[in-house]
Amino acid sequence: TAVEFALVIGPFLAILFAIMEVALVYFATFSLENATEQAARLIRTGQAQGFSAGDFKTAVCDRVPAFMDCGNDLIVDVRTFPSLSDAANGAPDAVDDDGNMIDGFEQFNAGGGGSIVLVNVYYHWKLFAALPDIGKLLSGGQNSIGLGNLADGSRLITSATVFKNEPFDG
């Protein structure tokens, strides 16, 4: 019995930790999407007029769960566009071809009344369990199906919303 237990406990714990990690990533993703929508409403209704990028980042951080560290892991990018078709092209990529975050791509322009605004929020999620990426192992490094999507093995969680500001002064 002890030998059988020793053979089974390793894969069992690996699967258990993988399930918990996936659940946490999905919960963090949902929480970030919710926080982005709520904070973007401040822009849409004109309540964020006079905000800086730091003020908007604080508005997002106030709406995410306490276990998400906003200090260095959250990036906000707010841009205005002349039309919805231009906004469909979105902001530039936050990650380069090597899977590293690009520094300095973010900006903050909330626009005025009637402006078309795209809000992108990025969160650098550090995975708790460093589980092997089975997709990379089986395919020789191609077509990854693991949780990590950055070069350091962590995950970049993104949330975006696009809207037209209400007609307010400013």
Protein backbone atom coordinates (compact mmCIF):
# COMPACT_ATOMS: atom_id res chain seq x y z
CA THR A 1 0.00 0.00 0.00
CA ALA A 2 2.80 2.40 0.86
CA VAL A 3 4.52 1.79 -2.49
CA GLU A 4 1.29 2.32 -4.41
CA PHE A 5 0.64 5.52 -2.45
CA ALA A 6 4.17 6.76 -3.21
CA LEU A 7 3.63 6.12 -6.92
CA VAL A 8 0.25 7.84 -7.04
CA ILE A 9 0.77 10.85 -4.74
CA GLY A 10 3.18 12.71 -7.07
CA PRO A 11 0.90 12.82 -10.14
CA PHE A 12 -2.13 13.42 -7.91
CA LEU A 13 -0.54 16.48 -6.27
CA ALA A 14 0.67 17.77 -9.64
CA ILE A 15 -2.86 17.59 -11.04
CA LEU A 16 -4.30 19.16 -7.88
CA PHE A 17 -1.86 22.11 -8.00
CA ALA A 18 -2.47 22.54 -11.75
CA ILE A 19 -6.22 22.72 -11.19
CA MET A 20 -5.76 25.29 -8.41
CA GLU A 21 -3.40 27.37 -10.59
CA VAL A 22 -5.81 27.38 -13.53
CA ALA A 23 -8.67 28.36 -11.20
CA LEU A 24 -6.62 31.25 -9.78
CA VAL A 25 -5.67 32.49 -13.26
CA TYR A 26 -9.30 32.42 -14.37
CA PHE A 27 -10.43 34.19 -11.20
CA ALA A 28 -7.72 36.85 -11.62
CA THR A 29 -8.71 37.30 -15.27
CA PHE A 30 -12.37 37.75 -14.39
CA SER A 31 -11.48 40.13 -11.56
CA LEU A 32 -9.27 42.22 -13.87
CA GLU A 33 -11.99 42.40 -16.52
CA ASN A 34 -14.50 43.53 -13.91
CA ALA A 35 -12.12 46.15 -12.48
CA THR A 36 -11.32 47.42 -15.98
CA GLU A 37 -15.01 47.84 -16.83
CA GLN A 38 -15.75 49.65 -13.56
CA ALA A 39 -12.75 51.99 -13.84
CA ALA A 40 -13.43 52.63 -17.54
CA ARG A 41 -16.89 53.83 -16.57
CA LEU A 42 -15.20 56.74 -14.81
CA ILE A 43 -13.72 57.77 -18.16
CA ARG A 44 -16.92 57.12 -20.12
CA THR A 45 -19.01 59.32 -17.81
CA GLY A 46 -16.45 62.13 -17.52
CA GLN A 47 -15.62 61.48 -13.87
CA ALA A 48 -11.98 60.80 -14.79
CA GLN A 49 -11.36 64.19 -16.37
CA GLY A 50 -8.08 65.44 -14.95
CA PHE A 51 -6.89 61.93 -14.06
CA SER A 52 -3.30 60.98 -14.71
CA ALA A 53 -2.21 57.47 -15.68
CA GLY A 54 -1.37 56.88 -12.01
CA ASP A 55 -4.82 58.02 -10.90
CA PHE A 56 -6.50 55.65 -13.34
CA LYS A 57 -4.19 52.81 -12.31
CA THR A 58 -5.22 53.46 -8.70
CA ALA A 59 -8.89 53.35 -9.76
CA VAL A 60 -8.31 49.92 -11.31
CA CYS A 61 -6.27 48.70 -8.32
CA ASP A 62 -9.01 49.74 -5.91
CA ARG A 63 -11.32 47.32 -7.70
CA VAL A 64 -9.17 44.17 -7.90
CA PRO A 65 -8.86 41.58 -5.09
CA ALA A 66 -6.22 42.16 -2.43
CA PHE A 67 -4.13 39.16 -3.55
CA MET A 68 -3.33 40.92 -6.85
CA ASP A 69 -0.28 43.18 -6.34
CA CYS A 70 -0.84 46.29 -8.43
CA GLY A 71 2.44 47.99 -7.57
CA ASN A 72 4.68 46.87 -10.40
CA ASP A 73 2.51 44.22 -12.02
CA LEU A 74 -0.33 46.35 -13.44
CA ILE A 75 -0.01 48.46 -16.59
CA VAL A 76 -2.74 50.69 -18.01
CA ASP A 77 -2.94 51.92 -21.59
CA VAL A 78 -5.73 54.35 -22.50
CA ARG A 79 -5.94 55.74 -26.05
CA THR A 80 -8.43 57.68 -28.13
CA PHE A 81 -9.24 56.96 -31.76
CA PRO A 82 -11.05 58.91 -34.47
CA SER A 83 -13.37 55.98 -35.29
CA LEU A 84 -14.39 52.56 -34.04
CA SER A 85 -12.71 50.93 -37.04
CA ASP A 86 -9.41 52.54 -36.02
CA ALA A 87 -9.93 51.36 -32.43
CA ALA A 88 -10.44 47.81 -33.76
CA ASN A 89 -6.72 47.76 -34.63
CA GLY A 90 -6.10 48.48 -30.97
CA ALA A 91 -2.97 49.47 -29.13
CA PRO A 92 0.50 48.17 -29.99
CA ASP A 93 1.55 44.80 -28.63
CA ALA A 94 2.67 44.68 -25.01
CA VAL A 95 4.91 41.66 -25.64
CA ASP A 96 7.72 41.30 -28.17
CA ASP A 97 8.36 38.24 -30.36
CA ASP A 98 10.62 36.73 -27.67
CA GLY A 99 7.86 36.82 -25.04
CA ASN A 100 9.22 39.79 -23.06
CA MET A 101 7.21 42.80 -21.91
CA ILE A 102 7.89 45.96 -23.94
CA ASP A 103 8.71 48.94 -21.76
CA GLY A 104 7.15 52.31 -22.46
CA PHE A 105 4.35 51.37 -24.86
CA GLU A 106 1.61 52.57 -22.52
CA GLN A 107 -0.03 55.98 -22.60
CA PHE A 108 -3.01 57.73 -21.03
CA ASN A 109 -5.39 59.83 -23.11
CA ALA A 110 -8.98 59.69 -21.86
CA GLY A 111 -10.24 62.16 -24.48
CA GLY A 112 -13.24 64.40 -24.09
CA GLY A 113 -16.98 64.08 -24.52
CA GLY A 114 -17.85 61.91 -27.53
CA SER A 115 -14.31 60.51 -27.91
CA ILE A 116 -13.82 56.87 -28.81
CA VAL A 117 -11.60 55.33 -26.14
CA LEU A 118 -9.79 52.00 -25.90
CA VAL A 119 -8.75 50.95 -22.40
CA ASN A 120 -6.22 48.11 -22.12
CA VAL A 121 -5.12 46.81 -18.73
CA TYR A 122 -2.28 44.31 -18.40
CA TYR A 123 -1.43 42.30 -15.30
CA HIS A 124 1.80 40.32 -14.93
CA TRP A 125 0.70 37.15 -13.09
CA LYS A 126 3.51 35.16 -11.56
CA LEU A 127 2.51 31.52 -11.59
CA PHE A 128 2.75 29.76 -8.23
CA ALA A 129 3.37 26.25 -9.52
CA ALA A 130 6.14 25.88 -12.08
CA LEU A 131 4.59 22.93 -13.84
CA PRO A 132 6.13 21.59 -17.04
CA ASP A 133 4.50 22.72 -20.27
CA ILE A 134 3.37 19.42 -21.77
CA GLY A 135 2.58 21.08 -25.12
CA LYS A 136 6.16 22.28 -25.50
CA LEU A 137 7.58 18.94 -24.41
CA LEU A 138 5.50 16.97 -26.90
CA SER A 139 5.89 19.34 -29.85
CA GLY A 140 9.56 20.18 -29.45
CA GLY A 141 8.95 23.78 -28.33
CA GLN A 142 6.12 24.66 -30.73
CA ASN A 143 2.40 25.20 -30.13
CA SER A 144 2.54 25.73 -26.40
CA ILE A 145 -0.61 24.96 -24.42
CA GLY A 146 0.72 25.85 -20.96
CA LEU A 147 -0.37 28.68 -18.66
CA GLY A 148 2.78 30.77 -19.07
CA ASN A 149 2.81 33.04 -22.09
CA LEU A 150 5.84 35.19 -21.27
CA ALA A 151 9.51 34.33 -21.63
CA ASP A 152 10.01 34.07 -17.85
CA GLY A 153 7.20 31.48 -17.55
CA SER A 154 4.69 33.88 -16.05
CA ARG A 155 1.35 34.88 -17.60
CA LEU A 156 0.24 38.22 -18.99
CA ILE A 157 -3.44 38.70 -18.23
CA THR A 158 -5.11 41.33 -20.36
CA SER A 159 -8.43 43.11 -20.28
CA ALA A 160 -9.76 45.60 -22.79
CA THR A 161 -12.86 47.64 -23.39
CA VAL A 162 -13.72 50.15 -26.09
CA PHE A 163 -16.49 52.72 -25.86
CA LYS A 164 -17.61 56.17 -26.90
CA ASN A 165 -17.55 58.74 -24.11
CA GLU A 166 -20.83 60.27 -23.10
CA PRO A 167 -21.28 63.87 -24.23
CA PHE A 168 -19.80 65.76 -21.30
CA ASP A 169 -17.89 69.04 -21.22
CA GLY A 170 -14.13 68.68 -21.53
